[in-house]
Protein backbone atom coordinates (compact mmCIF):
# COMPACT_ATOMS: atom_id res chain seq x y z
CA MET A 1 124.97 109.38 124.15
CA SER A 2 127.72 108.37 121.81
CA MET A 3 127.27 106.85 118.39
CA ASN A 4 128.85 103.61 119.64
CA ARG A 5 126.07 103.13 122.17
CA ILE A 6 123.37 103.90 119.61
CA VAL A 7 124.81 101.36 117.17
CA SER A 8 125.20 98.73 119.92
CA ILE A 9 121.58 99.23 121.00
CA MET A 10 120.48 98.89 117.39
CA LEU A 11 122.55 95.72 116.99
CA LEU A 12 120.83 94.34 120.09
CA LEU A 13 117.45 95.19 118.54
CA PHE A 14 118.56 93.56 115.29
CA VAL A 15 119.27 90.32 117.14
CA LEU A 16 116.02 90.69 119.12
CA GLU A 17 113.86 91.08 116.03
CA GLY A 18 115.51 88.19 114.23
CA ALA A 19 116.12 85.66 116.99
CA LEU A 20 113.75 86.34 119.88
CA MET A 21 110.63 87.78 118.24
CA PRO A 22 109.78 84.61 116.25
CA TRP A 23 109.54 82.83 119.60
CA ILE A 24 107.38 85.56 121.18
CA ILE A 25 104.89 86.04 118.33
CA PRO A 26 101.94 83.60 118.63
CA ASP A 27 101.86 80.61 116.28
CA GLY A 28 98.96 81.86 114.16
CA PHE A 29 100.69 85.17 113.49
CA GLY A 30 104.28 83.96 113.11
CA ASP A 31 104.29 84.27 109.34
CA ARG A 32 102.14 87.42 109.29
CA ILE A 33 103.88 89.79 111.71
CA ILE A 34 107.28 91.07 110.63
CA PRO A 35 109.01 93.26 113.24
CA HIS A 36 110.86 96.34 112.02
CA PHE A 37 112.27 97.66 115.30
CA ILE A 38 115.41 98.94 113.59
CA PHE A 39 113.31 101.02 111.22
CA VAL A 40 111.45 102.58 114.16
CA ILE A 41 114.77 103.65 115.68
CA VAL A 42 115.86 105.07 112.31
CA ILE A 43 112.70 107.21 112.21
CA TYR A 44 113.33 108.31 115.79
CA SER A 45 116.84 109.33 114.76
CA ALA A 46 115.32 111.39 111.95
CA LEU A 47 112.89 113.05 114.36
CA TYR A 48 115.21 113.75 117.27
CA GLY A 49 118.65 113.51 115.68
CA ASN A 50 119.26 114.73 112.15
CA ARG A 51 118.60 113.50 108.65
CA HIS A 52 122.19 112.48 107.98
CA LEU A 53 122.26 110.25 111.05
CA ALA A 54 118.98 108.66 109.93
CA LEU A 55 120.41 108.07 106.46
CA MET A 56 123.56 106.44 107.83
CA LEU A 57 121.72 104.25 110.34
CA GLY A 58 119.02 103.30 107.83
CA ALA A 59 121.48 102.45 105.08
CA GLY A 60 123.82 100.53 107.38
CA PHE A 61 121.21 98.44 109.12
CA GLY A 62 119.16 98.07 105.94
CA LEU A 63 122.19 96.53 104.24
CA LEU A 64 122.70 94.29 107.26
CA GLN A 65 119.07 93.13 106.96
CA ASP A 66 119.52 92.54 103.24
CA VAL A 67 122.57 90.38 103.76
CA VAL A 68 121.38 88.43 106.80
CA TYR A 69 117.63 87.96 106.30
CA TYR A 70 116.43 88.84 102.83
CA GLY A 71 118.38 87.44 99.91
CA HIS A 72 115.82 88.09 97.16
CA LEU A 73 116.96 91.56 96.19
CA LEU A 74 120.19 92.76 97.72
CA GLY A 75 120.05 96.46 98.59
CA LEU A 76 116.28 96.86 98.77
CA HIS A 77 116.11 97.47 102.52
CA PHE A 78 119.36 99.46 102.32
CA PHE A 79 117.81 101.86 99.83
CA THR A 80 114.30 102.03 101.27
CA MET A 81 115.19 102.38 104.94
CA GLY A 82 117.86 105.00 104.29
CA LEU A 83 115.70 107.01 101.90
CA ILE A 84 112.60 107.08 104.12
CA GLY A 85 114.73 107.97 107.16
CA TYR A 86 116.42 110.78 105.26
CA PHE A 87 113.20 112.28 103.88
CA THR A 88 111.52 112.07 107.28
CA GLY A 89 114.40 114.08 108.67
CA VAL A 90 114.14 116.59 105.81
CA LEU A 91 110.39 117.08 106.25
CA LEU A 92 110.54 117.52 110.03
CA GLU A 93 113.94 119.12 110.48
CA ARG A 94 112.81 122.27 112.29
CA LYS A 95 109.72 120.93 114.06
CA ARG A 96 109.50 119.71 117.61
CA ALA A 97 107.78 116.31 117.58
CA THR A 98 105.35 115.51 120.39
CA VAL A 99 104.39 111.97 121.39
CA MET A 100 101.34 111.80 119.13
CA MET A 101 103.15 113.41 116.24
CA ALA A 102 106.06 110.97 116.57
CA ILE A 103 103.76 107.93 116.74
CA THR A 104 101.76 109.18 113.75
CA ILE A 105 104.91 109.81 111.70
CA ILE A 106 106.26 106.38 112.61
CA GLY A 107 102.95 104.80 111.59
CA PHE A 108 102.96 106.53 108.20
CA ALA A 109 106.65 105.76 107.67
CA CYS A 110 106.10 102.06 108.45
CA LEU A 111 103.17 101.96 106.04
CA LEU A 112 105.29 103.64 103.38
CA TYR A 113 108.20 101.27 104.06
CA ASP A 114 106.13 98.09 103.81
CA THR A 115 104.14 99.40 100.83
CA SER A 116 107.27 100.33 98.90
CA LEU A 117 108.81 96.93 99.65
CA PHE A 118 105.63 95.22 98.47
CA TYR A 119 105.50 97.13 95.19
CA ILE A 120 109.20 96.59 94.46
CA TYR A 121 108.68 92.88 95.07
CA LYS A 122 105.65 93.09 92.78
CA VAL A 123 107.68 94.74 90.01
CA PHE A 124 110.31 92.00 90.13
CA ARG A 125 107.59 89.30 90.38
CA ILE A 126 108.71 87.95 93.73
CA THR A 127 105.13 88.20 94.97
CA ASP A 128 101.91 87.77 93.06
CA SER A 129 99.39 88.72 95.75
CA SER A 130 97.25 91.84 95.63
CA TYR A 131 97.99 94.91 97.73
CA ALA A 132 94.68 94.63 99.60
CA TRP A 133 95.53 91.09 100.68
CA ALA A 134 99.06 92.08 101.73
CA LEU A 135 97.71 95.10 103.61
CA LEU A 136 95.31 93.01 105.67
CA HIS A 137 97.55 89.99 106.20
CA TYR A 138 101.05 91.47 106.58
CA ILE A 139 101.29 95.23 106.68
CA LEU A 140 98.62 96.16 109.25
CA PRO A 141 99.44 93.42 111.81
CA SER A 142 103.11 94.38 111.56
CA LEU A 143 102.19 98.06 111.88
CA PHE A 144 100.50 97.47 115.23
CA LEU A 145 103.64 95.76 116.56
CA GLN A 146 105.83 98.65 115.35
CA LEU A 147 103.51 101.23 116.94
CA ALA A 148 103.46 99.35 120.25
CA PHE A 149 107.26 99.19 120.22
CA ALA A 150 107.51 102.88 119.29
CA LEU A 151 105.23 103.85 122.15
CA ALA A 152 107.07 101.63 124.63
CA CYS A 153 110.52 103.02 123.82
CA TYR A 154 109.55 106.66 123.14
CA ILE A 155 111.04 108.33 126.23
CA PRO A 156 114.40 106.47 126.37
CA VAL A 157 115.02 106.84 122.64
CA ARG A 158 114.06 110.52 122.61
CA ARG A 159 116.42 111.21 125.51
CA MET A 160 119.15 109.19 123.82
CA PHE A 161 119.03 111.20 120.58
CA GLU A 162 118.44 114.56 122.25
CA SER A 163 121.39 114.07 124.61
CA ARG A 164 123.54 113.15 121.61
CA GLY A 165 122.45 116.36 119.89
CA LYS A 166 123.25 118.45 122.97
CA THR A 167 126.73 116.96 123.34
CA ALA A 168 127.38 117.57 119.65
CA MET A 169 126.31 121.21 120.07
CA ASP A 170 128.54 121.63 123.14
CA GLY A 171 131.48 120.17 121.22
CA ASP A 172 130.91 122.66 118.36
CA GLU A 173 130.91 125.64 120.76
CA GLU A 174 134.32 124.77 122.21
C-alpha cells in the first residue's frame, strides 16, 4: 500500500477521533476517555513498517494534534509521539510481532505516552493532580479504548504495512 493511502487513512482516523468519538463515548466518560487512534497506527508502523516511517508519521500527526487540539504546549505531541514510535521501531526492528506481542507493546507504549504527557504537563504546571488520580481517571480508561481499537484493526493494519514493505523491497531489487 502506498504512503498516500496510509496518510489518508490516518487523516480519516484523525477526524474520527476528534469529531465522531466525542459523540460515541458515553456522557459519564466523555471527559475521561481520550482516544489516541493515530498513536496506535504509529506503533503499528513501528512494528510492521520501520522506525523511520514511525518517526515521520508520529511527528507529522503529533504536530497536527498539537496545532488543532492542544494549544497548551506546542510540539509536545510532536516530540512524544515521534520519539516513542521511533524507539519502538528500534527495540523491535528484527523481531516478528505476534498478536499478543503487538497488543502488549501497544499497551505499554500508550501508558508511556500518556504518562510522559502527564509529567511534562506537571513540570510546566498545567496540571496539579497526582499521578495516581490521573492513572485511574484518564490513563487507564483511555488505555482500554486504545487496546480495543488496536485489536479490532490488527489484521488490516498489519497487512497494510507488510504489503508496503514488500513493495518497497521489490522496488529495491529492480
